[in-house]
Amino acid sequence: MELTSYLIKNVQIINEGQIETKDILIKNGRIERIDATINAPNVMEINGEGKYLMPGIIDDQVHFREPGLTHKSDLYTEPRAAVAGGTTSFMEMPNTKPNTLTQELLEDKYQIAAKKSLANYSFFMGASNDNIEEVLKTNEKNVCGVKIFMGSSTGNMLVDNEKTLENLFSRVPMLIATHCEDEATVKNNEILFRKKYGENPSASIHPLVRDVEGCYISSSMAVELAKKHNTRLHILHISTAKELELFRNDIPLQEKRITSEVCVHHLYFNSAHYETLNTQIKCNPAIKSKENQEALLPALLNNQLDIIATDHAPHTWEEKSQNYWNAPSGVPLVQHSLNVMLEFYHQKKISLEKIIEKMCHAPALCFNVKERGFIREGYWADLVLFDLNKKWTVQKNNVFYKCNWSPFENHTFSGQIEKTFVSGHLAYDNGIFNENKKGERLLFDSGQ
């Protein structure tokens, strides 16, 4: 398929700490030129006046559920929702069915995505207590990283054998991403709270079951192992004030061996929201107290926390409507992550430049994503055009997830995405998808 060339005129480009009004020419899937004024023949011209243009978001943590759990989500529906929300590239987790524990199963997911995904894609290789030889075969040039569940979450992929962890941290040469919750702490709390509250408690006990201590014990262990072996460690979804002491902000991101991520739901919600949303916002690690929530945004602004992601993890409404103990953990978020952050912008809590740094530039640097995450000549044209002030309300008819619900339903956001380009292809245009071209497999370059 021949790609259309586009010329976006007079648009406010948010990139690398600056906002500048310029023209941008997109040709052959890439950013051909950025300049004050560009005139080009045989292009589709887009008037960007009064609008903003940003690099496409790179979400380093999603669960799109394929293969094996496609009744709730798949590699067709969720990338579409991602693109509608300004996310042009995703990195997906290995706790599908079967778990992604062999190179063959990993490659199967890439083959599915190549046929179905509107967004660019990468998949983590999964680690278990007994697959290290398979893990070591992973190609760091075209796979984003290795995922270790140091606490069991959705799916049975807990790695709790100390010898295995030592082995992985000492031998894996590429980035290791961890889910950190101490299993023993969680199990003990579950026993305690089942006795105390019985079989049908409110979801508000979730941050007590999966508590601050459980997170800290596991995160501090991961950091200790990484320091011991000089492992490239990325800790996912930090949710507590206490864990922040584990992370440095006195060196540039490119020099960090240990990095961290915060998710939009931990920034946006706190334990008071269980009263209205109940199990809808049950997730692991848990959404915690206001005190924990309020520590996260300052830590993001001062660079203790490096990346904003979603941990998008959908379940059907029927599954989530079960009682607290039976309802699975996970929240669908990928379509609304930029909107959440723009809400913080409108509240004067964060700048547009910082949002783009944490959602686009930092994931590209952290994972050494090749030629994406920035608006630069020669880079892939992953771009999002949005109206900063246009108001719109989240409703069932504009939620694109397969599960067809969102914790933001009936909420009005200021800021609407108008167009999303994926590798130079206009994949989303004011509510209409163009699926003639699929996304690309992400490549990684340790030299970035």
Protein backbone atom coordinates (compact mmCIF):
# COMPACT_ATOMS: atom_id res chain seq x y z
CA MET A 1 0.00 0.00 0.00
CA GLU A 2 1.33 3.42 -0.98
CA LEU A 3 1.27 5.88 1.90
CA THR A 4 -0.31 9.31 1.43
CA SER A 5 1.96 12.29 2.04
CA TYR A 6 0.68 14.89 4.51
CA LEU A 7 1.56 18.48 5.24
CA ILE A 8 0.35 19.80 8.60
CA LYS A 9 0.43 23.59 8.51
CA ASN A 10 0.83 26.11 11.29
CA VAL A 11 0.55 23.66 14.20
CA GLN A 12 1.91 24.01 17.73
CA ILE A 13 4.46 21.21 18.06
CA ILE A 14 5.18 19.97 21.59
CA ASN A 15 8.56 18.25 21.53
CA GLU A 16 11.78 18.03 23.56
CA GLY A 17 10.77 20.62 26.14
CA GLN A 18 9.49 23.25 23.71
CA ILE A 19 6.27 24.36 22.01
CA GLU A 20 6.82 25.94 18.59
CA THR A 21 4.43 26.78 15.75
CA LYS A 22 5.72 25.12 12.57
CA ASP A 23 4.81 23.10 9.48
CA ILE A 24 5.58 19.39 9.28
CA LEU A 25 5.82 17.22 6.17
CA ILE A 26 5.10 13.46 6.39
CA LYS A 27 6.35 11.26 3.53
CA ASN A 28 6.91 7.51 3.13
CA GLY A 29 5.86 6.89 6.71
CA ARG A 30 8.43 9.29 8.16
CA ILE A 31 8.86 12.93 9.15
CA GLU A 32 10.47 14.39 6.05
CA ARG A 33 10.81 17.99 7.18
CA ILE A 34 9.97 20.38 10.03
CA ASP A 35 10.20 24.09 9.25
CA ALA A 36 8.60 27.51 9.77
CA THR A 37 6.97 27.31 6.33
CA ILE A 38 6.83 24.34 3.97
CA ASN A 39 5.27 24.20 0.53
CA ALA A 40 5.06 20.77 -1.11
CA PRO A 41 3.21 19.42 -4.16
CA ASN A 42 0.99 16.31 -4.21
CA VAL A 43 0.32 16.19 -0.47
CA MET A 44 -2.80 16.18 1.65
CA GLU A 45 -2.76 19.46 3.55
CA ILE A 46 -4.08 19.68 7.11
CA ASN A 47 -4.72 23.00 8.81
CA GLY A 48 -3.22 22.76 12.29
CA GLU A 49 -3.99 26.32 13.36
CA GLY A 50 -4.94 26.48 17.04
CA LYS A 51 -4.18 22.76 17.45
CA TYR A 52 -1.30 20.90 19.10
CA LEU A 53 0.86 18.14 17.64
CA MET A 54 2.76 15.66 19.84
CA PRO A 55 4.67 12.43 19.28
CA GLY A 56 2.56 9.30 19.60
CA ILE A 57 2.43 7.89 23.13
CA ILE A 58 4.49 4.76 23.81
CA ASP A 59 2.69 2.71 26.48
CA ASP A 60 5.18 0.28 27.98
CA GLN A 61 2.63 -1.77 29.90
CA VAL A 62 -0.63 -3.17 28.51
CA HIS A 63 -2.52 -6.45 28.72
CA PHE A 64 -4.37 -7.05 25.45
CA ARG A 65 -5.27 -10.68 26.38
CA GLU A 66 -4.53 -12.46 23.10
CA PRO A 67 -4.11 -15.40 22.82
CA GLY A 68 -6.47 -17.25 25.11
CA LEU A 69 -8.56 -14.54 26.78
CA THR A 70 -10.11 -12.94 23.72
CA HIS A 71 -13.65 -12.86 25.14
CA LYS A 72 -12.56 -9.70 27.00
CA SER A 73 -9.94 -8.09 24.74
CA ASP A 74 -7.74 -8.83 21.73
CA LEU A 75 -5.03 -7.56 19.40
CA TYR A 76 -7.57 -5.97 17.07
CA THR A 77 -9.87 -4.11 19.47
CA GLU A 78 -7.39 -2.74 22.01
CA PRO A 79 -4.83 -1.28 19.56
CA ARG A 80 -7.75 0.57 17.91
CA ALA A 81 -8.74 2.00 21.30
CA ALA A 82 -5.10 2.89 21.95
CA VAL A 83 -4.80 4.77 18.65
CA ALA A 84 -8.06 6.65 19.33
CA GLY A 85 -6.45 7.79 22.59
CA GLY A 86 -3.16 8.92 21.06
CA THR A 87 -1.13 5.80 21.86
CA THR A 88 0.71 4.72 18.71
CA SER A 89 3.00 2.03 20.21
CA PHE A 90 2.47 -0.52 22.97
CA MET A 91 4.44 -3.15 24.85
CA GLU A 92 2.26 -6.07 25.89
CA MET A 93 2.60 -8.45 28.81
CA PRO A 94 3.17 -12.23 28.78
CA ASN A 95 0.35 -13.40 31.10
CA THR A 96 -1.86 -14.52 28.21
CA LYS A 97 -3.03 -18.13 27.73
CA PRO A 98 -0.73 -19.87 27.25
CA ASN A 99 1.79 -17.72 29.11
CA THR A 100 4.51 -16.35 26.81
CA LEU A 101 7.31 -18.54 28.15
CA THR A 102 8.94 -19.84 24.95
CA GLN A 103 10.40 -18.09 21.92
CA GLU A 104 7.83 -19.86 19.75
CA LEU A 105 4.89 -18.57 21.80
CA LEU A 106 6.45 -15.09 21.79
CA GLU A 107 6.78 -15.12 18.01
CA ASP A 108 3.15 -16.30 17.70
CA LYS A 109 2.01 -13.05 19.32
CA TYR A 110 4.07 -10.99 16.87
CA GLN A 111 2.46 -12.85 13.97
CA ILE A 112 -1.04 -12.14 15.31
CA ALA A 113 -0.24 -8.45 15.84
CA ALA A 114 1.21 -8.10 12.33
CA LYS A 115 -2.18 -9.12 10.92
CA LYS A 116 -4.45 -7.29 13.38
CA SER A 117 -2.86 -4.38 15.26
CA LEU A 118 -3.49 -0.82 14.13
CA ALA A 119 -0.78 0.40 16.54
CA ASN A 120 2.94 -0.40 16.58
CA TYR A 121 3.69 -3.31 18.89
CA SER A 122 6.18 -5.18 21.01
CA PHE A 123 5.76 -8.08 23.44
CA PHE A 124 7.62 -8.93 26.63
CA MET A 125 9.16 -12.36 27.01
CA GLY A 126 7.85 -13.98 30.19
CA ALA A 127 10.03 -15.44 32.94
CA SER A 128 8.96 -18.35 35.14
CA ASN A 129 10.69 -20.41 37.81
CA ASP A 130 12.07 -22.78 35.17
CA ASN A 131 12.49 -21.22 31.72
CA ILE A 132 15.75 -19.25 31.95
CA GLU A 133 17.31 -20.92 28.90
CA GLU A 134 14.34 -19.76 26.78
CA VAL A 135 14.58 -16.27 28.30
CA LEU A 136 18.26 -16.04 27.34
CA LYS A 137 17.41 -16.65 23.67
CA THR A 138 15.43 -13.37 23.51
CA ASN A 139 16.61 -10.92 20.87
CA GLU A 140 17.00 -7.47 22.42
CA LYS A 141 16.92 -5.82 18.98
CA ASN A 142 13.26 -6.69 18.38
CA VAL A 143 11.81 -7.56 21.81
CA CYS A 144 11.21 -4.84 24.42
CA GLY A 145 12.25 -6.76 27.52
CA VAL A 146 11.77 -9.66 29.93
CA LYS A 147 8.88 -9.52 32.40
CA ILE A 148 9.09 -10.99 35.90
CA PHE A 149 6.01 -11.18 38.11
CA MET A 150 7.58 -10.92 41.57
CA GLY A 151 4.03 -11.05 42.90
CA SER A 152 1.22 -13.09 41.36
CA SER A 153 -1.37 -11.05 39.55
CA THR A 154 -3.63 -12.13 36.68
CA GLY A 155 -2.38 -15.52 35.51
CA ASN A 156 -0.02 -17.93 37.21
CA MET A 157 3.42 -16.50 36.46
CA LEU A 158 4.79 -15.89 39.95
CA VAL A 159 8.58 -16.08 40.14
CA ASP A 160 9.27 -16.59 43.84
CA ASN A 161 12.30 -18.87 43.82
CA GLU A 162 15.25 -16.81 45.14
CA LYS A 163 17.78 -18.85 43.18
CA THR A 164 15.78 -18.26 39.97
CA LEU A 165 15.62 -14.52 40.62
CA GLU A 166 19.37 -14.41 41.29
CA ASN A 167 19.94 -16.32 38.07
CA LEU A 168 17.72 -14.03 35.99
CA PHE A 169 19.14 -10.79 37.39
CA SER A 170 22.72 -12.00 36.95
CA ARG A 171 22.39 -13.49 33.45
CA VAL A 172 19.75 -11.57 31.46
CA PRO A 173 21.57 -8.89 29.43
CA MET A 174 18.47 -6.90 28.44
CA LEU A 175 15.91 -4.85 30.34
CA ILE A 176 13.98 -6.71 33.04
CA ALA A 177 10.56 -5.26 33.94
CA THR A 178 9.05 -6.33 37.26
CA HIS A 179 5.66 -6.43 38.92
CA CYS A 180 6.60 -6.01 42.59
CA GLU A 181 4.29 -7.21 45.35
CA ASP A 182 5.45 -9.60 48.05
CA GLU A 183 3.41 -12.78 47.76
CA ALA A 184 3.72 -13.85 51.42
CA THR A 185 2.49 -10.46 52.64
CA VAL A 186 -0.51 -10.52 50.28
CA LYS A 187 -1.46 -14.10 51.21
CA ASN A 188 -1.25 -13.36 54.96
CA ASN A 189 -3.38 -10.25 54.54
CA GLU A 190 -5.96 -12.20 52.54
CA ILE A 191 -6.34 -14.74 55.36
CA LEU A 192 -6.63 -11.94 57.93
CA PHE A 193 -9.24 -9.95 56.02
CA ARG A 194 -11.34 -12.96 55.01
CA LYS A 195 -11.67 -13.72 58.72
CA LYS A 196 -12.43 -10.09 59.52
CA TYR A 197 -14.85 -9.18 56.69
CA GLY A 198 -16.19 -12.50 55.43
CA GLU A 199 -17.01 -13.36 51.83
CA ASN A 200 -18.56 -10.12 50.59
CA PRO A 201 -16.50 -7.11 51.70
CA SER A 202 -16.26 -3.74 49.98
CA ALA A 203 -13.42 -3.32 47.45
CA SER A 204 -12.11 -0.61 49.78
CA ILE A 205 -10.15 -3.32 51.64
CA HIS A 206 -8.02 -3.93 48.51
CA PRO A 207 -5.23 -1.48 49.50
CA LEU A 208 -5.09 -3.19 52.91
CA VAL A 209 -4.82 -6.67 51.38
CA ARG A 210 -2.21 -5.52 48.83
CA ASP A 211 -0.60 -3.01 51.12
CA VAL A 212 2.29 -0.54 51.05
CA GLU A 213 4.59 -2.95 52.86
CA GLY A 214 3.99 -5.73 50.33
CA CYS A 215 4.98 -3.39 47.51
CA TYR A 216 8.05 -2.06 49.29
CA ILE A 217 9.41 -5.48 50.32
CA SER A 218 9.30 -6.67 46.71
CA SER A 219 10.51 -3.44 45.03
CA SER A 220 13.44 -3.06 47.43
CA MET A 221 14.42 -6.69 46.78
CA ALA A 222 14.38 -6.08 43.00
CA VAL A 223 16.51 -2.94 43.41
CA GLU A 224 18.96 -4.82 45.63
CA LEU A 225 19.33 -7.61 43.05
CA ALA A 226 19.75 -5.10 40.21
CA LYS A 227 22.45 -3.17 42.09
CA LYS A 228 24.26 -6.38 42.95
CA HIS A 229 24.37 -7.57 39.32
CA ASN A 230 24.21 -4.20 37.50
CA THR A 231 20.97 -5.38 35.86
CA ARG A 232 18.92 -3.04 33.69
CA LEU A 233 15.77 -2.97 35.84
CA HIS A 234 12.46 -1.20 35.19
CA ILE A 235 9.90 -1.39 38.02
CA LEU A 236 6.33 -1.11 36.79
CA HIS A 237 3.33 0.73 38.32
CA ILE A 238 4.73 2.34 41.48
CA SER A 239 1.80 3.07 43.79
CA THR A 240 3.27 4.08 47.17
CA ALA A 241 5.12 7.03 48.68
CA LYS A 242 7.49 4.65 50.48
CA GLU A 243 8.87 3.10 47.28
CA LEU A 244 9.96 6.50 45.94
CA GLU A 245 13.12 6.42 48.05
CA LEU A 246 14.37 3.55 45.86
CA PHE A 247 14.74 5.79 42.79
CA ARG A 248 17.29 8.41 41.81
CA ASN A 249 16.62 11.76 40.20
CA ASP A 250 20.17 13.17 40.24
CA ILE A 251 21.30 11.65 36.92
CA PRO A 252 19.80 11.77 33.40
CA LEU A 253 17.40 9.01 32.36
CA GLN A 254 19.90 7.68 29.79
CA GLU A 255 22.38 6.97 32.60
CA LYS A 256 19.94 5.20 34.93
CA ARG A 257 20.24 1.43 35.33
CA ILE A 258 17.12 1.35 37.53
CA THR A 259 14.00 3.12 36.26
CA SER A 260 10.38 3.33 37.32
CA GLU A 261 6.90 3.87 36.00
CA VAL A 262 3.69 5.34 37.35
CA CYS A 263 0.27 4.56 35.89
CA VAL A 264 -2.52 7.02 35.21
CA HIS A 265 -4.99 5.33 37.58
CA HIS A 266 -2.61 5.60 40.54
CA LEU A 267 -2.20 9.31 39.76
CA TYR A 268 -5.94 9.90 39.27
CA PHE A 269 -7.77 7.72 41.80
CA ASN A 270 -7.33 7.08 45.52
CA SER A 271 -9.00 4.79 48.06
CA ALA A 272 -11.98 7.17 48.47
CA HIS A 273 -13.07 6.24 44.93
CA TYR A 274 -13.84 2.62 45.92
CA GLU A 275 -17.09 3.95 47.42
CA THR A 276 -18.47 4.85 43.98
CA LEU A 277 -16.45 2.62 41.63
CA ASN A 278 -16.01 -0.46 43.87
CA THR A 279 -14.40 -3.40 41.96
CA GLN A 280 -14.20 -1.35 38.74
CA ILE A 281 -10.92 0.08 40.07
CA LYS A 282 -9.67 -3.12 41.71
CA CYS A 283 -6.19 -3.57 40.26
CA ASN A 284 -2.75 -4.85 41.28
CA PRO A 285 -0.95 -3.07 42.81
CA ALA A 286 -3.94 -1.50 44.50
CA ILE A 287 -5.08 2.11 44.23
CA LYS A 288 -4.12 3.32 47.68
CA SER A 289 -4.71 6.20 50.11
CA LYS A 290 -4.80 9.87 49.13
CA GLU A 291 -1.46 10.31 50.92
CA ASN A 292 0.16 7.77 48.59
CA GLN A 293 -1.59 9.18 45.51
CA GLU A 294 -0.45 12.73 46.32
CA ALA A 295 3.20 11.67 46.57
CA LEU A 296 3.27 10.31 42.99
CA LEU A 297 2.82 13.41 40.82
CA PRO A 298 5.60 15.41 42.56
CA ALA A 299 7.88 12.37 42.16
CA LEU A 300 7.02 12.30 38.45
CA LEU A 301 7.79 16.01 38.14
CA ASN A 302 11.14 15.68 39.92
CA ASN A 303 12.13 12.62 37.83
CA GLN A 304 12.14 9.97 40.56
CA LEU A 305 9.40 8.38 38.44
CA ASP A 306 10.41 8.16 34.79
CA ILE A 307 7.46 7.03 32.67
CA ILE A 308 3.65 7.34 32.59
CA ALA A 309 1.85 4.17 31.41
CA THR A 310 -1.56 2.54 31.84
CA ASP A 311 -1.27 -1.16 32.75
CA HIS A 312 -4.46 -1.39 30.62
CA ALA A 313 -6.04 -4.66 31.79
CA PRO A 314 -9.64 -5.22 30.70
CA HIS A 315 -12.17 -7.70 32.05
CA THR A 316 -15.82 -8.06 31.09
CA TRP A 317 -18.45 -6.17 33.06
CA GLU A 318 -19.83 -9.52 34.28
CA GLU A 319 -16.39 -10.52 35.62
CA LYS A 320 -15.86 -7.17 37.34
CA SER A 321 -19.39 -7.24 38.82
CA GLN A 322 -18.58 -10.22 41.03
CA ASN A 323 -17.93 -9.73 44.74
CA TYR A 324 -14.58 -8.37 45.92
CA TRP A 325 -12.80 -11.70 46.37
CA ASN A 326 -13.91 -13.05 42.97
CA ALA A 327 -13.71 -9.94 40.76
CA PRO A 328 -10.45 -9.99 38.79
CA SER A 329 -7.94 -7.15 39.07
CA GLY A 330 -7.40 -4.80 36.16
CA VAL A 331 -8.80 -1.62 34.64
CA PRO A 332 -9.26 -0.62 30.96
CA LEU A 333 -7.36 2.66 30.51
CA VAL A 334 -5.38 2.94 27.26
CA GLN A 335 -7.93 5.06 25.38
CA HIS A 336 -8.05 7.79 28.03
CA SER A 337 -4.49 8.09 29.37
CA LEU A 338 -3.71 11.33 27.53
CA ASN A 339 -7.04 12.79 28.63
CA VAL A 340 -6.23 12.02 32.27
CA MET A 341 -2.91 13.81 31.97
CA LEU A 342 -4.49 16.77 30.13
CA GLU A 343 -6.90 17.09 33.05
CA PHE A 344 -3.88 17.53 35.32
CA TYR A 345 -2.58 20.11 32.85
CA HIS A 346 -5.86 22.07 32.98
CA GLN A 347 -5.60 21.95 36.79
CA LYS A 348 -2.13 23.55 36.41
CA LYS A 349 -0.43 20.53 38.00
CA ILE A 350 1.82 19.59 35.05
CA SER A 351 2.99 21.23 31.80
CA LEU A 352 2.29 19.94 28.31
CA GLU A 353 6.04 19.59 27.77
CA LYS A 354 6.37 17.36 30.85
CA ILE A 355 3.41 15.18 29.80
CA ILE A 356 5.06 14.56 26.42
CA GLU A 357 8.42 13.90 28.09
CA LYS A 358 6.95 11.22 30.34
CA MET A 359 4.56 9.55 27.88
CA CYS A 360 6.60 9.77 24.65
CA HIS A 361 10.28 10.70 25.07
CA ALA A 362 11.03 8.79 28.30
CA PRO A 363 9.64 5.40 27.16
CA ALA A 364 11.65 5.76 23.92
CA LEU A 365 14.84 6.47 25.89
CA CYS A 366 14.16 3.92 28.62
CA PHE A 367 13.63 1.07 26.15
CA ASN A 368 15.93 2.41 23.39
CA VAL A 369 13.02 2.42 20.94
CA LYS A 370 14.42 3.01 17.48
CA GLU A 371 13.33 6.21 15.68
CA ARG A 372 10.15 6.86 17.65
CA GLY A 373 9.02 8.92 20.63
CA PHE A 374 10.25 12.28 19.30
CA ILE A 375 9.26 14.66 16.49
CA ARG A 376 12.51 14.63 14.52
CA GLU A 377 13.29 14.66 10.83
CA GLY A 378 13.92 11.09 9.64
CA TYR A 379 11.98 9.51 12.52
CA TRP A 380 8.80 7.49 11.99
CA ALA A 381 5.73 9.73 11.81
CA ASP A 382 3.93 8.62 14.98
CA LEU A 383 1.96 11.81 15.63
CA VAL A 384 -1.15 12.98 17.48
CA LEU A 385 -3.09 16.12 16.57
CA PHE A 386 -5.40 17.36 19.31
CA ASP A 387 -7.60 20.26 20.34
CA LEU A 388 -6.51 21.17 23.86
CA ASN A 389 -9.77 22.78 24.97
CA LYS A 390 -12.54 20.89 23.18
CA LYS A 391 -14.82 19.21 25.71
CA TRP A 392 -16.23 15.71 25.28
CA THR A 393 -17.89 13.13 27.50
CA VAL A 394 -16.91 9.46 27.81
CA GLN A 395 -19.92 7.29 26.95
CA LYS A 396 -20.49 3.68 25.94
CA ASN A 397 -20.80 4.66 22.26
CA ASN A 398 -17.31 6.22 22.18
CA VAL A 399 -15.47 3.59 24.25
CA PHE A 400 -13.60 1.30 21.83
CA TYR A 401 -12.53 -1.47 24.23
CA LYS A 402 -13.93 -4.92 23.63
CA CYS A 403 -15.16 -4.99 27.25
CA ASN A 404 -17.19 -1.83 26.42
CA TRP A 405 -16.88 -0.03 29.76
CA SER A 406 -14.60 2.54 31.35
CA PRO A 407 -14.22 3.89 34.89
CA PHE A 408 -14.44 7.35 33.26
CA GLU A 409 -17.93 6.89 31.83
CA ASN A 410 -20.02 10.09 32.03
CA HIS A 411 -16.90 12.11 32.86
CA THR A 412 -16.27 15.17 30.68
CA PHE A 413 -12.67 15.77 29.60
CA SER A 414 -11.19 18.93 28.08
CA GLY A 415 -8.96 17.98 25.17
CA GLN A 416 -9.97 15.89 22.18
CA ILE A 417 -7.76 13.84 19.90
CA GLU A 418 -8.56 14.59 16.27
CA LYS A 419 -6.01 12.63 14.26
CA THR A 420 -3.49 9.89 15.03
CA PHE A 421 -0.75 8.93 12.59
CA VAL A 422 0.90 5.52 13.06
CA SER A 423 4.14 5.16 11.08
CA GLY A 424 2.91 7.83 8.67
CA HIS A 425 -0.53 6.24 8.19
CA LEU A 426 -3.54 8.32 9.25
CA ALA A 427 -5.06 5.55 11.35
CA TYR A 428 -7.64 7.63 13.23
CA ASP A 429 -9.42 10.75 12.01
CA ASN A 430 -12.17 12.33 14.13
CA GLY A 431 -13.80 9.06 15.19
CA ILE A 432 -13.12 7.18 11.94
CA PHE A 433 -10.50 4.42 11.71
CA ASN A 434 -8.53 3.65 8.55
CA GLU A 435 -7.37 0.06 8.85
CA ASN A 436 -5.77 -0.30 5.41
CA LYS A 437 -2.34 -0.43 7.01
CA LYS A 438 -1.35 -2.12 10.25
CA GLY A 439 1.24 -0.98 12.79
CA GLU A 440 4.94 -1.89 12.69
CA ARG A 441 6.97 -4.11 14.99
CA LEU A 442 9.06 -1.92 17.29
CA LEU A 443 12.82 -2.18 16.97
CA PHE A 444 15.34 -1.34 19.68
CA ASP A 445 18.73 0.29 19.42
CA SER A 446 21.08 0.24 22.39
CA GLY A 447 22.99 3.08 20.75
CA GLN A 448 20.24 5.72 21.18
